């Protein structure tokens, strides 16, 4: 291998590692967020998805607040 090829490899490998780490953390974050929403659906007796389909604005606001709160928790967990 020439020195140019070695330099190219040393620049590409860390970049690929960072990209794969980013994809991995993204998948973990999405799974945690989805799991939290599904857990909320199981615990709460109200079917928010059906209420939103009916046009219930309050149900939409509750789900938006839930997703925002869960996203903040998932971000804090991933960063710590």
PDB file of N, CA and C in Angstrom:
ATOM      1  N   UNK A   1       0.838  -1.190   0.000  1.00  0.00           N
ATOM      2  CA  UNK A   1       0.000   0.000   0.000  1.00  0.00           C
ATOM      3  C   UNK A   1       0.879   1.249   0.000  1.00  0.00           C
ATOM      4  N   UNK A   2       0.422   2.222  -0.697  1.00  0.00           N
ATOM      5  CA  UNK A   2       1.157   3.479  -0.729  1.00  0.00           C
ATOM      6  C   UNK A   2       0.728   4.330   0.456  1.00  0.00           C
ATOM      7  N   UNK A   3       1.471   5.370   0.696  1.00  0.00           N
ATOM      8  CA  UNK A   3       1.142   6.251   1.810  1.00  0.00           C
ATOM      9  C   UNK A   3      -0.175   6.978   1.575  1.00  0.00           C
ATOM     10  N   UNK A   4      -0.505   7.251   0.318  1.00  0.00           N
ATOM     11  CA  UNK A   4      -1.781   7.913   0.016  1.00  0.00           C
ATOM     12  C   UNK A   4      -2.961   7.006   0.346  1.00  0.00           C
ATOM     13  N   UNK A   5      -2.820   5.722   0.039  1.00  0.00           N
ATOM     14  CA  UNK A   5      -3.888   4.779   0.360  1.00  0.00           C
ATOM     15  C   UNK A   5      -4.049   4.634   1.867  1.00  0.00           C
ATOM     16  N   UNK A   6      -2.947   4.592   2.591  1.00  0.00           N
ATOM     17  CA  UNK A   6      -3.008   4.492   4.049  1.00  0.00           C
ATOM     18  C   UNK A   6      -3.671   5.720   4.664  1.00  0.00           C
ATOM     19  N   UNK A   7      -3.340   6.895   4.150  1.00  0.00           N
ATOM     20  CA  UNK A   7      -3.962   8.120   4.646  1.00  0.00           C
ATOM     21  C   UNK A   7      -5.460   8.128   4.360  1.00  0.00           C
ATOM     22  N   UNK A   8      -5.852   7.648   3.193  1.00  0.00           N
ATOM     23  CA  UNK A   8      -7.272   7.585   2.851  1.00  0.00           C
ATOM     24  C   UNK A   8      -7.999   6.619   3.773  1.00  0.00           C
ATOM     25  N   UNK A   9      -7.379   5.475   4.067  1.00  0.00           N
ATOM     26  CA  UNK A   9      -8.009   4.504   4.962  1.00  0.00           C
ATOM     27  C   UNK A   9      -8.126   5.041   6.380  1.00  0.00           C
ATOM     28  N   UNK A  10      -7.129   5.749   6.856  1.00  0.00           N
ATOM     29  CA  UNK A  10      -7.190   6.283   8.213  1.00  0.00           C
ATOM     30  C   UNK A  10      -8.220   7.400   8.334  1.00  0.00           C
ATOM     31  N   UNK A  11      -8.583   8.035   7.233  1.00  0.00           N
ATOM     32  CA  UNK A  11      -9.615   9.069   7.270  1.00  0.00           C
ATOM     33  C   UNK A  11     -11.005   8.464   7.124  1.00  0.00           C
ATOM     34  N   UNK A  12     -11.138   7.387   6.377  1.00  0.00           N
ATOM     35  CA  UNK A  12     -12.444   6.790   6.107  1.00  0.00           C
ATOM     36  C   UNK A  12     -12.949   5.987   7.303  1.00  0.00           C
ATOM     37  N   UNK A  13     -12.077   5.219   7.954  1.00  0.00           N
ATOM     38  CA  UNK A  13     -12.508   4.343   9.041  1.00  0.00           C
ATOM     39  C   UNK A  13     -13.146   5.092  10.210  1.00  0.00           C
ATOM     40  N   UNK A  14     -12.565   6.184  10.710  1.00  0.00           N
ATOM     41  CA  UNK A  14     -13.249   6.904  11.798  1.00  0.00           C
ATOM     42  C   UNK A  14     -14.591   7.486  11.368  1.00  0.00           C
ATOM     43  N   UNK A  15     -14.672   7.910  10.127  1.00  0.00           N
ATOM     44  CA  UNK A  15     -15.937   8.454   9.629  1.00  0.00           C
ATOM     45  C   UNK A  15     -17.001   7.372   9.583  1.00  0.00           C
ATOM     46  N   UNK A  16     -16.645   6.198   9.083  1.00  0.00           N
ATOM     47  CA  UNK A  16     -17.589   5.085   9.050  1.00  0.00           C
ATOM     48  C   UNK A  16     -18.010   4.664  10.457  1.00  0.00           C
ATOM     49  N   UNK A  17     -17.067   4.713  11.395  1.00  0.00           N
ATOM     50  CA  UNK A  17     -17.396   4.367  12.774  1.00  0.00           C
ATOM     51  C   UNK A  17     -18.392   5.371  13.354  1.00  0.00           C
ATOM     52  N   UNK A  18     -18.181   6.634  13.120  1.00  0.00           N
ATOM     53  CA  UNK A  18     -19.101   7.659  13.627  1.00  0.00           C
ATOM     54  C   UNK A  18     -20.482   7.527  12.996  1.00  0.00           C
ATOM     55  N   UNK A  19     -20.519   7.253  11.694  1.00  0.00           N
ATOM     56  CA  UNK A  19     -21.805   7.098  11.012  1.00  0.00           C
ATOM     57  C   UNK A  19     -22.551   5.894  11.562  1.00  0.00           C
ATOM     58  N   UNK A  20     -21.849   4.781  11.778  1.00  0.00           N
ATOM     59  CA  UNK A  20     -22.513   3.592  12.315  1.00  0.00           C
ATOM     60  C   UNK A  20     -22.973   3.816  13.753  1.00  0.00           C
ATOM     61  N   UNK A  21     -22.212   4.541  14.546  1.00  0.00           N
ATOM     62  CA  UNK A  21     -22.644   4.872  15.907  1.00  0.00           C
ATOM     63  C   UNK A  21     -23.903   5.740  15.875  1.00  0.00           C
ATOM     64  N   UNK A  22     -23.933   6.699  14.989  1.00  0.00           N
ATOM     65  CA  UNK A  22     -25.092   7.575  14.870  1.00  0.00           C
ATOM     66  C   UNK A  22     -26.331   6.786  14.469  1.00  0.00           C
ATOM     67  N   UNK A  23     -26.184   5.893  13.511  1.00  0.00           N
ATOM     68  CA  UNK A  23     -27.318   5.070  13.088  1.00  0.00           C
ATOM     69  C   UNK A  23     -27.776   4.174  14.230  1.00  0.00           C
ATOM     70  N   UNK A  24     -26.845   3.597  14.947  1.00  0.00           N
ATOM     71  CA  UNK A  24     -27.195   2.740  16.082  1.00  0.00           C
ATOM     72  C   UNK A  24     -27.956   3.482  17.164  1.00  0.00           C
ATOM     73  N   UNK A  25     -27.477   4.657  17.563  1.00  0.00           N
ATOM     74  CA  UNK A  25     -28.162   5.438  18.591  1.00  0.00           C
ATOM     75  C   UNK A  25     -29.529   5.919  18.115  1.00  0.00           C
ATOM     76  N   UNK A  26     -29.635   6.206  16.814  1.00  0.00           N
ATOM     77  CA  UNK A  26     -30.924   6.609  16.265  1.00  0.00           C
ATOM     78  C   UNK A  26     -31.934   5.478  16.374  1.00  0.00           C
ATOM     79  N   UNK A  27     -31.517   4.281  16.032  1.00  0.00           N
ATOM     80  CA  UNK A  27     -32.413   3.116  16.125  1.00  0.00           C
ATOM     81  C   UNK A  27     -32.819   2.872  17.580  1.00  0.00           C
ATOM     82  N   UNK A  28     -31.870   2.956  18.492  1.00  0.00           N
ATOM     83  CA  UNK A  28     -32.186   2.767  19.912  1.00  0.00           C
ATOM     84  C   UNK A  28     -33.168   3.830  20.389  1.00  0.00           C
ATOM     85  N   UNK A  29     -32.954   5.078  20.000  1.00  0.00           N
ATOM     86  CA  UNK A  29     -33.856   6.160  20.398  1.00  0.00           C
ATOM     87  C   UNK A  29     -35.260   5.965  19.873  1.00  0.00           C
ATOM     88  N   UNK A  30     -35.373   5.553  18.621  1.00  0.00           N
ATOM     89  CA  UNK A  30     -36.700   5.329  18.030  1.00  0.00           C
ATOM     90  C   UNK A  30     -37.403   4.181  18.732  1.00  0.00           C
ATOM     91  N   UNK A  31     -36.676   3.107  19.021  1.00  0.00           N
ATOM     92  CA  UNK A  31     -37.282   1.971  19.719  1.00  0.00           C
ATOM     93  C   UNK A  31     -37.748   2.356  21.120  1.00  0.00           C
ATOM     94  N   UNK A  32     -36.950   3.138  21.836  1.00  0.00           N
ATOM     95  CA  UNK A  32     -37.358   3.584  23.167  1.00  0.00           C
ATOM     96  C   UNK A  32     -38.587   4.488  23.102  1.00  0.00           C
ATOM     97  N   UNK A  33     -38.616   5.381  22.137  1.00  0.00           N
ATOM     98  CA  UNK A  33     -39.757   6.275  21.983  1.00  0.00           C
ATOM     99  C   UNK A  33     -41.017   5.487  21.628  1.00  0.00           C
ATOM    100  N   UNK A  34     -40.905   4.559  20.697  1.00  0.00           N
ATOM    101  CA  UNK A  34     -42.045   3.729  20.305  1.00  0.00           C
ATOM    102  C   UNK A  34     -42.527   2.890  21.484  1.00  0.00           C
ATOM    103  N   UNK A  35     -41.585   2.307  22.228  1.00  0.00           N
ATOM    104  CA  UNK A  35     -41.958   1.516  23.401  1.00  0.00           C
ATOM    105  C   UNK A  35     -42.675   2.347  24.449  1.00  0.00           C
ATOM    106  N   UNK A  36     -42.248   3.565  24.647  1.00  0.00           N
ATOM    107  CA  UNK A  36     -42.904   4.443  25.617  1.00  0.00           C
ATOM    108  C   UNK A  36     -44.324   4.790  25.204  1.00  0.00           C
ATOM    109  N   UNK A  37     -44.525   5.069  23.923  1.00  0.00           N
ATOM    110  CA  UNK A  37     -45.871   5.385  23.435  1.00  0.00           C
ATOM    111  C   UNK A  37     -46.774   4.165  23.550  1.00  0.00           C
ATOM    112  N   UNK A  38     -46.253   2.983  23.192  1.00  0.00           N
ATOM    113  CA  UNK A  38     -47.058   1.754  23.299  1.00  0.00           C
ATOM    114  C   UNK A  38     -47.393   1.451  24.759  1.00  0.00           C
ATOM    115  N   UNK A  39     -46.449   1.677  25.672  1.00  0.00           N
ATOM    116  CA  UNK A  39     -46.709   1.461  27.093  1.00  0.00           C
ATOM    117  C   UNK A  39     -47.796   2.411  27.586  1.00  0.00           C
ATOM    118  N   UNK A  40     -47.746   3.650  27.158  1.00  0.00           N
ATOM    119  CA  UNK A  40     -48.785   4.613  27.522  1.00  0.00           C
ATOM    120  C   UNK A  40     -50.141   4.164  26.985  1.00  0.00           C
ATOM    121  N   UNK A  41     -50.172   3.643  25.760  1.00  0.00           N
ATOM    122  CA  UNK A  41     -51.424   3.140  25.184  1.00  0.00           C
ATOM    123  C   UNK A  41     -51.978   1.975  25.995  1.00  0.00           C
ATOM    124  N   UNK A  42     -51.099   1.122  26.505  1.00  0.00           N
ATOM    125  CA  UNK A  42     -51.558  -0.021  27.296  1.00  0.00           C
ATOM    126  C   UNK A  42     -52.070   0.400  28.672  1.00  0.00           C
ATOM    127  N   UNK A  43     -51.422   1.386  29.271  1.00  0.00           N
ATOM    128  CA  UNK A  43     -51.784   1.800  30.632  1.00  0.00           C
ATOM    129  C   UNK A  43     -53.040   2.663  30.637  1.00  0.00           C
ATOM    130  N   UNK A  44     -53.154   3.587  29.717  1.00  0.00           N
ATOM    131  CA  UNK A  44     -54.277   4.520  29.699  1.00  0.00           C
ATOM    132  C   UNK A  44     -55.474   3.879  28.975  1.00  0.00           C
ATOM    133  N   UNK A  45     -56.658   3.934  29.582  1.00  0.00           N
ATOM    134  CA  UNK A  45     -57.808   3.259  28.960  1.00  0.00           C
ATOM    135  C   UNK A  45     -58.370   3.967  27.721  1.00  0.00           C
ATOM    136  N   UNK A  46     -57.989   5.206  27.494  1.00  0.00           N
ATOM    137  CA  UNK A  46     -58.530   5.956  26.361  1.00  0.00           C
ATOM    138  C   UNK A  46     -57.740   5.597  25.097  1.00  0.00           C
ATOM    139  N   UNK A  47     -58.446   5.340  24.006  1.00  0.00           N
ATOM    140  CA  UNK A  47     -57.802   5.064  22.721  1.00  0.00           C
ATOM    141  C   UNK A  47     -57.547   6.402  22.020  1.00  0.00           C
ATOM    142  N   UNK A  48     -56.349   6.947  22.250  1.00  0.00           N
ATOM    143  CA  UNK A  48     -56.032   8.278  21.734  1.00  0.00           C
ATOM    144  C   UNK A  48     -55.966   8.300  20.210  1.00  0.00           C
ATOM    145  N   UNK A  49     -55.516   7.226  19.612  1.00  0.00           N
ATOM    146  CA  UNK A  49     -55.432   7.203  18.157  1.00  0.00           C
ATOM    147  C   UNK A  49     -56.812   7.331  17.531  1.00  0.00           C
ATOM    148  N   UNK A  50     -57.792   6.635  18.101  1.00  0.00           N
ATOM    149  CA  UNK A  50     -59.161   6.730  17.590  1.00  0.00           C
ATOM    150  C   UNK A  50     -59.737   8.115  17.840  1.00  0.00           C
ATOM    151  N   UNK A  51     -59.442   8.677  19.009  1.00  0.00           N
ATOM    152  CA  UNK A  51     -59.930  10.025  19.317  1.00  0.00           C
ATOM    153  C   UNK A  51     -59.334  11.060  18.371  1.00  0.00           C
ATOM    154  N   UNK A  52     -58.077  10.888  18.024  1.00  0.00           N
ATOM    155  CA  UNK A  52     -57.441  11.815  17.087  1.00  0.00           C
ATOM    156  C   UNK A  52     -58.086  11.684  15.712  1.00  0.00           C
ATOM    157  N   UNK A  53     -58.382  10.446  15.299  1.00  0.00           N
ATOM    158  CA  UNK A  53     -59.051  10.244  14.005  1.00  0.00           C
ATOM    159  C   UNK A  53     -60.420  10.911  13.977  1.00  0.00           C
ATOM    160  N   UNK A  54     -61.091  10.973  15.137  1.00  0.00           N
ATOM    161  CA  UNK A  54     -62.397  11.626  15.227  1.00  0.00           C
ATOM    162  C   UNK A  54     -62.271  13.149  15.221  1.00  0.00           C
ATOM    163  N   UNK A  55     -61.052  13.652  15.370  1.00  0.00           N
ATOM    164  CA  UNK A  55     -60.848  15.092  15.371  1.00  0.00           C
ATOM    165  C   UNK A  55     -60.752  15.709  16.755  1.00  0.00           C
ATOM    166  N   UNK A  56     -60.525  14.895  17.771  1.00  0.00           N
ATOM    167  CA  UNK A  56     -60.421  15.376  19.147  1.00  0.00           C
ATOM    168  C   UNK A  56     -59.079  16.083  19.333  1.00  0.00           C
ATOM    169  N   UNK A  57     -59.115  17.400  19.419  1.00  0.00           N
ATOM    170  CA  UNK A  57     -57.904  18.203  19.533  1.00  0.00           C
ATOM    171  C   UNK A  57     -57.182  17.949  20.857  1.00  0.00           C
ATOM    172  N   UNK A  58     -57.940  17.760  21.939  1.00  0.00           N
ATOM    173  CA  UNK A  58     -57.327  17.519  23.249  1.00  0.00           C
ATOM    174  C   UNK A  58     -56.499  16.230  23.246  1.00  0.00           C
ATOM    175  N   UNK A  59     -56.995  15.195  22.583  1.00  0.00           N
ATOM    176  CA  UNK A  59     -56.250  13.945  22.498  1.00  0.00           C
ATOM    177  C   UNK A  59     -54.957  14.147  21.715  1.00  0.00           C
ATOM    178  N   UNK A  60     -55.013  14.948  20.666  1.00  0.00           N
ATOM    179  CA  UNK A  60     -53.811  15.252  19.894  1.00  0.00           C
ATOM    180  C   UNK A  60     -52.782  16.009  20.710  1.00  0.00           C
ATOM    181  N   UNK A  61     -53.247  16.935  21.523  1.00  0.00           N
ATOM    182  CA  UNK A  61     -52.331  17.705  22.370  1.00  0.00           C
ATOM    183  C   UNK A  61     -51.686  16.800  23.420  1.00  0.00           C
ATOM    184  N   UNK A  62     -52.466  15.891  23.991  1.00  0.00           N
ATOM    185  CA  UNK A  62     -51.919  14.966  24.991  1.00  0.00           C
ATOM    186  C   UNK A  62     -50.854  14.075  24.356  1.00  0.00           C
ATOM    187  N   UNK A  63     -51.127  13.554  23.169  1.00  0.00           N
ATOM    188  CA  UNK A  63     -50.140  12.698  22.499  1.00  0.00           C
ATOM    189  C   UNK A  63     -48.890  13.489  22.114  1.00  0.00           C
ATOM    190  N   UNK A  64     -49.068  14.729  21.685  1.00  0.00           N
ATOM    191  CA  UNK A  64     -47.906  15.564  21.347  1.00  0.00           C
ATOM    192  C   UNK A  64     -47.055  15.832  22.592  1.00  0.00           C
ATOM    193  N   UNK A  65     -47.716  16.101  23.719  1.00  0.00           N
ATOM    194  CA  UNK A  65     -46.985  16.320  24.962  1.00  0.00           C
ATOM    195  C   UNK A  65     -46.268  15.050  25.411  1.00  0.00           C
ATOM    196  N   UNK A  66     -46.930  13.915  25.249  1.00  0.00           N
ATOM    197  CA  UNK A  66     -46.314  12.639  25.620  1.00  0.00           C
ATOM    198  C   UNK A  66     -45.071  12.374  24.778  1.00  0.00           C
ATOM    199  N   UNK A  67     -45.173  12.550  23.473  1.00  0.00           N
ATOM    200  CA  UNK A  67     -44.036  12.292  22.594  1.00  0.00           C
ATOM    201  C   UNK A  67     -42.897  13.266  22.873  1.00  0.00           C
ATOM    202  N   UNK A  68     -43.224  14.527  23.124  1.00  0.00           N
ATOM    203  CA  UNK A  68     -42.188  15.514  23.443  1.00  0.00           C
ATOM    204  C   UNK A  68     -41.477  15.163  24.750  1.00  0.00           C
ATOM    205  N   UNK A  69     -42.255  14.791  25.761  1.00  0.00           N
ATOM    206  CA  UNK A  69     -41.659  14.401  27.044  1.00  0.00           C
ATOM    207  C   UNK A  69     -40.805  13.157  26.931  1.00  0.00           C
ATOM    208  N   UNK A  70     -41.306  12.149  26.216  1.00  0.00           N
ATOM    209  CA  UNK A  70     -40.521  10.933  26.033  1.00  0.00           C
ATOM    210  C   UNK A  70     -39.251  11.206  25.245  1.00  0.00           C
ATOM    211  N   UNK A  71     -39.338  12.063  24.242  1.00  0.00           N
ATOM    212  CA  UNK A  71     -38.146  12.401  23.460  1.00  0.00           C
ATOM    213  C   UNK A  71     -37.089  13.070  24.333  1.00  0.00           C
ATOM    214  N   UNK A  72     -37.520  13.947  25.225  1.00  0.00           N
ATOM    215  CA  UNK A  72     -36.569  14.602  26.140  1.00  0.00           C
ATOM    216  C   UNK A  72     -35.909  13.581  27.058  1.00  0.00           C
ATOM    217  N   UNK A  73     -36.693  12.612  27.543  1.00  0.00           N
ATOM    218  CA  UNK A  73     -36.128  11.578  28.422  1.00  0.00           C
ATOM    219  C   UNK A  73     -35.156  10.695  27.654  1.00  0.00           C
ATOM    220  N   UNK A  74     -35.526  10.289  26.451  1.00  0.00           N
ATOM    221  CA  UNK A  74     -34.646   9.428  25.650  1.00  0.00           C
ATOM    222  C   UNK A  74     -33.347  10.153  25.326  1.00  0.00           C
ATOM    223  N   UNK A  75     -33.415  11.425  24.991  1.00  0.00           N
ATOM    224  CA  UNK A  75     -32.208  12.200  24.700  1.00  0.00           C
ATOM    225  C   UNK A  75     -31.314  12.271  25.943  1.00  0.00           C
ATOM    226  N   UNK A  76     -31.924  12.511  27.106  1.00  0.00           N
ATOM    227  CA  UNK A  76     -31.144  12.587  28.341  1.00  0.00           C
ATOM    228  C   UNK A  76     -30.484  11.252  28.660  1.00  0.00           C
ATOM    229  N   UNK A  77     -31.190  10.160  28.429  1.00  0.00           N
ATOM    230  CA  UNK A  77     -30.621   8.826  28.702  1.00  0.00           C
ATOM    231  C   UNK A  77     -29.469   8.528  27.748  1.00  0.00           C
ATOM    232  N   UNK A  78     -29.654   8.853  26.483  1.00  0.00           N
ATOM    233  CA  UNK A  78     -28.602   8.574  25.506  1.00  0.00           C
ATOM    234  C   UNK A  78     -27.363   9.423  25.769  1.00  0.00           C
ATOM    235  N   UNK A  79     -27.539  10.658  26.168  1.00  0.00           N
ATOM    236  CA  UNK A  79     -26.393  11.542  26.404  1.00  0.00           C
ATOM    237  C   UNK A  79     -25.664  11.251  27.712  1.00  0.00           C
ATOM    238  N   UNK A  80     -26.330  10.562  28.636  1.00  0.00           N
ATOM    239  CA  UNK A  80     -25.656  10.299  29.933  1.00  0.00           C
ATOM    240  C   UNK A  80     -24.878   9.014  29.931  1.00  0.00           C
TER     241      UNK A  80
END
